[in-house]
Amino acid sequence: MSDVRHIDEWKREVFPALLSKKEELQLMGYSEVTIDEIWDCLEHYVWQKDHYKKLYEIVQDIMHLPSHTYMNYLTMNVLQNDTELADTVASLTDLMKKEPHDEE
């Protein structure tokens, strides 16, 4: 099938691949993973510049989604949506960059 469609049009057809990826991530210890989070990760992280794909490209991207890419997406999503947590992380990052002062 060489049909190119917007990625949203493929979601229903690739549900088995999404379910398989969810089960794979759960086996790796990510017990809270959801199909919607996997799809959002792909949509906003992997396909951010190209929302028109062939069916085989969508399935390939789902099956080859690395767990670290999924976790990076979740981390960035949390930091973008939780300003207090983002401020805390920024403060900690700043502290780690500063060299300790020599005390005499």
C-alpha atoms as a PDB file:
ATOM      1  CA  MET A   1       0.000   0.000   0.000  1.00  0.00           C
ATOM      2  CA  SER A   2       1.637   3.242  -1.106  1.00  0.00           C
ATOM      3  CA  ASP A   3      -1.135   5.437   0.265  1.00  0.00           C
ATOM      4  CA  VAL A   4       0.176   8.536   2.059  1.00  0.00           C
ATOM      5  CA  ARG A   5      -2.143   9.923   4.728  1.00  0.00           C
ATOM      6  CA  HIS A   6      -2.089  12.251   7.701  1.00  0.00           C
ATOM      7  CA  ILE A   7      -0.857  10.305  10.726  1.00  0.00           C
ATOM      8  CA  ASP A   8      -4.186  10.710  12.566  1.00  0.00           C
ATOM      9  CA  GLU A   9      -5.898   8.747   9.808  1.00  0.00           C
ATOM     10  CA  TRP A  10      -3.658   5.731  10.525  1.00  0.00           C
ATOM     11  CA  LYS A  11      -4.132   5.546  14.301  1.00  0.00           C
ATOM     12  CA  ARG A  12      -7.045   3.106  14.258  1.00  0.00           C
ATOM     13  CA  GLU A  13      -5.319   0.823  11.759  1.00  0.00           C
ATOM     14  CA  VAL A  14      -2.052   0.671  13.710  1.00  0.00           C
ATOM     15  CA  PHE A  15      -3.678  -0.008  17.083  1.00  0.00           C
ATOM     16  CA  PRO A  16      -2.212  -3.562  17.255  1.00  0.00           C
ATOM     17  CA  ALA A  17       1.317  -2.143  16.838  1.00  0.00           C
ATOM     18  CA  LEU A  18       0.633   0.474  19.535  1.00  0.00           C
ATOM     19  CA  LEU A  19      -0.665  -2.225  21.874  1.00  0.00           C
ATOM     20  CA  SER A  20       2.445  -4.311  21.209  1.00  0.00           C
ATOM     21  CA  LYS A  21       4.723  -1.335  21.986  1.00  0.00           C
ATOM     22  CA  LYS A  22       2.765  -0.647  25.187  1.00  0.00           C
ATOM     23  CA  GLU A  23       3.218  -4.258  26.307  1.00  0.00           C
ATOM     24  CA  GLU A  24       6.940  -4.124  25.442  1.00  0.00           C
ATOM     25  CA  LEU A  25       7.443  -0.965  27.514  1.00  0.00           C
ATOM     26  CA  GLN A  26       5.491  -2.505  30.409  1.00  0.00           C
ATOM     27  CA  LEU A  27       7.783  -5.538  30.324  1.00  0.00           C
ATOM     28  CA  MET A  28      10.708  -3.117  30.580  1.00  0.00           C
ATOM     29  CA  GLY A  29       9.242  -1.705  33.798  1.00  0.00           C
ATOM     30  CA  TYR A  30       7.209   1.250  32.513  1.00  0.00           C
ATOM     31  CA  SER A  31       3.975   0.069  34.101  1.00  0.00           C
ATOM     32  CA  GLU A  32       2.085   3.351  33.707  1.00  0.00           C
ATOM     33  CA  VAL A  33       2.541   3.638  29.924  1.00  0.00           C
ATOM     34  CA  THR A  34      -0.565   4.298  27.834  1.00  0.00           C
ATOM     35  CA  ILE A  35      -1.264   3.982  24.136  1.00  0.00           C
ATOM     36  CA  ASP A  36      -2.208   7.671  24.005  1.00  0.00           C
ATOM     37  CA  GLU A  37       1.170   8.644  25.513  1.00  0.00           C
ATOM     38  CA  ILE A  38       3.002   6.502  22.961  1.00  0.00           C
ATOM     39  CA  TRP A  39       1.026   8.094  20.131  1.00  0.00           C
ATOM     40  CA  ASP A  40       1.619  11.603  21.528  1.00  0.00           C
ATOM     41  CA  CYS A  41       5.341  10.870  21.791  1.00  0.00           C
ATOM     42  CA  LEU A  42       5.466   9.770  18.185  1.00  0.00           C
ATOM     43  CA  GLU A  43       3.327  12.668  17.006  1.00  0.00           C
ATOM     44  CA  HIS A  44       5.189  15.432  18.841  1.00  0.00           C
ATOM     45  CA  TYR A  45       8.694  13.987  19.127  1.00  0.00           C
ATOM     46  CA  VAL A  46       9.252  11.641  16.174  1.00  0.00           C
ATOM     47  CA  TRP A  47       6.859  13.016  13.536  1.00  0.00           C
ATOM     48  CA  GLN A  48       6.981  16.671  14.542  1.00  0.00           C
ATOM     49  CA  LYS A  49       8.083  17.769  11.059  1.00  0.00           C
ATOM     50  CA  ASP A  50       6.268  15.222   8.893  1.00  0.00           C
ATOM     51  CA  HIS A  51       2.637  14.382   9.647  1.00  0.00           C
ATOM     52  CA  TYR A  52       2.034  12.604   6.338  1.00  0.00           C
ATOM     53  CA  LYS A  53       3.245   9.016   6.223  1.00  0.00           C
ATOM     54  CA  LYS A  54       2.691   5.652   4.601  1.00  0.00           C
ATOM     55  CA  LEU A  55       1.254   2.839   6.700  1.00  0.00           C
ATOM     56  CA  TYR A  56       4.509   0.883   6.826  1.00  0.00           C
ATOM     57  CA  GLU A  57       6.372   4.015   8.007  1.00  0.00           C
ATOM     58  CA  ILE A  58       3.944   4.483  10.893  1.00  0.00           C
ATOM     59  CA  VAL A  59       4.235   0.837  11.966  1.00  0.00           C
ATOM     60  CA  GLN A  60       8.029   0.923  11.643  1.00  0.00           C
ATOM     61  CA  ASP A  61       8.258   4.067  13.789  1.00  0.00           C
ATOM     62  CA  ILE A  62       6.029   2.513  16.455  1.00  0.00           C
ATOM     63  CA  MET A  63       7.944  -0.750  16.597  1.00  0.00           C
ATOM     64  CA  HIS A  64      11.343   0.973  16.635  1.00  0.00           C
ATOM     65  CA  LEU A  65      10.473   3.615  19.237  1.00  0.00           C
ATOM     66  CA  PRO A  66      13.268   3.312  21.827  1.00  0.00           C
ATOM     67  CA  SER A  67      12.311   3.402  25.489  1.00  0.00           C
ATOM     68  CA  HIS A  68      14.748   6.280  26.114  1.00  0.00           C
ATOM     69  CA  THR A  69      12.979   8.402  23.469  1.00  0.00           C
ATOM     70  CA  TYR A  70       9.656   7.711  25.169  1.00  0.00           C
ATOM     71  CA  MET A  71      11.106   8.621  28.589  1.00  0.00           C
ATOM     72  CA  ASN A  72      12.722  11.802  27.220  1.00  0.00           C
ATOM     73  CA  TYR A  73       9.357  12.821  25.797  1.00  0.00           C
ATOM     74  CA  LEU A  74       7.592  12.179  29.116  1.00  0.00           C
ATOM     75  CA  THR A  75      10.243  14.110  31.032  1.00  0.00           C
ATOM     76  CA  MET A  76      10.035  17.103  28.701  1.00  0.00           C
ATOM     77  CA  ASN A  77       6.246  16.970  28.821  1.00  0.00           C
ATOM     78  CA  VAL A  78       6.235  17.025  32.633  1.00  0.00           C
ATOM     79  CA  LEU A  79       8.720  19.894  32.750  1.00  0.00           C
ATOM     80  CA  GLN A  80       6.721  21.934  30.231  1.00  0.00           C
ATOM     81  CA  ASN A  81       3.457  21.403  32.090  1.00  0.00           C
ATOM     82  CA  ASP A  82       4.725  21.766  35.658  1.00  0.00           C
ATOM     83  CA  THR A  83       6.436  25.133  36.034  1.00  0.00           C
ATOM     84  CA  GLU A  84       7.226  24.572  39.716  1.00  0.00           C
ATOM     85  CA  LEU A  85       9.034  21.328  38.916  1.00  0.00           C
ATOM     86  CA  ALA A  86      10.795  22.955  35.957  1.00  0.00           C
ATOM     87  CA  ASP A  87      11.996  25.785  38.225  1.00  0.00           C
ATOM     88  CA  THR A  88      13.290  23.245  40.746  1.00  0.00           C
ATOM     89  CA  VAL A  89      15.167  21.323  38.056  1.00  0.00           C
ATOM     90  CA  ALA A  90      16.640  24.578  36.705  1.00  0.00           C
ATOM     91  CA  SER A  91      17.769  25.589  40.204  1.00  0.00           C
ATOM     92  CA  LEU A  92      19.383  22.213  40.790  1.00  0.00           C
ATOM     93  CA  THR A  93      21.093  22.370  37.406  1.00  0.00           C
ATOM     94  CA  ASP A  94      22.480  25.817  38.248  1.00  0.00           C
ATOM     95  CA  LEU A  95      23.767  24.545  41.600  1.00  0.00           C
ATOM     96  CA  MET A  96      25.506  21.635  39.914  1.00  0.00           C
ATOM     97  CA  LYS A  97      27.238  23.952  37.434  1.00  0.00           C
ATOM     98  CA  LYS A  98      28.698  26.237  40.114  1.00  0.00           C
ATOM     99  CA  GLU A  99      32.120  25.370  41.425  1.00  0.00           C
ATOM    100  CA  PRO A 100      32.415  25.003  45.175  1.00  0.00           C
ATOM    101  CA  HIS A 101      33.899  28.004  46.905  1.00  0.00           C
ATOM    102  CA  ASP A 102      37.179  27.505  48.641  1.00  0.00           C
ATOM    103  CA  GLU A 103      36.816  28.082  52.345  1.00  0.00           C
ATOM    104  CA  GLU A 104      39.809  29.264  54.287  1.00  0.00           C
END
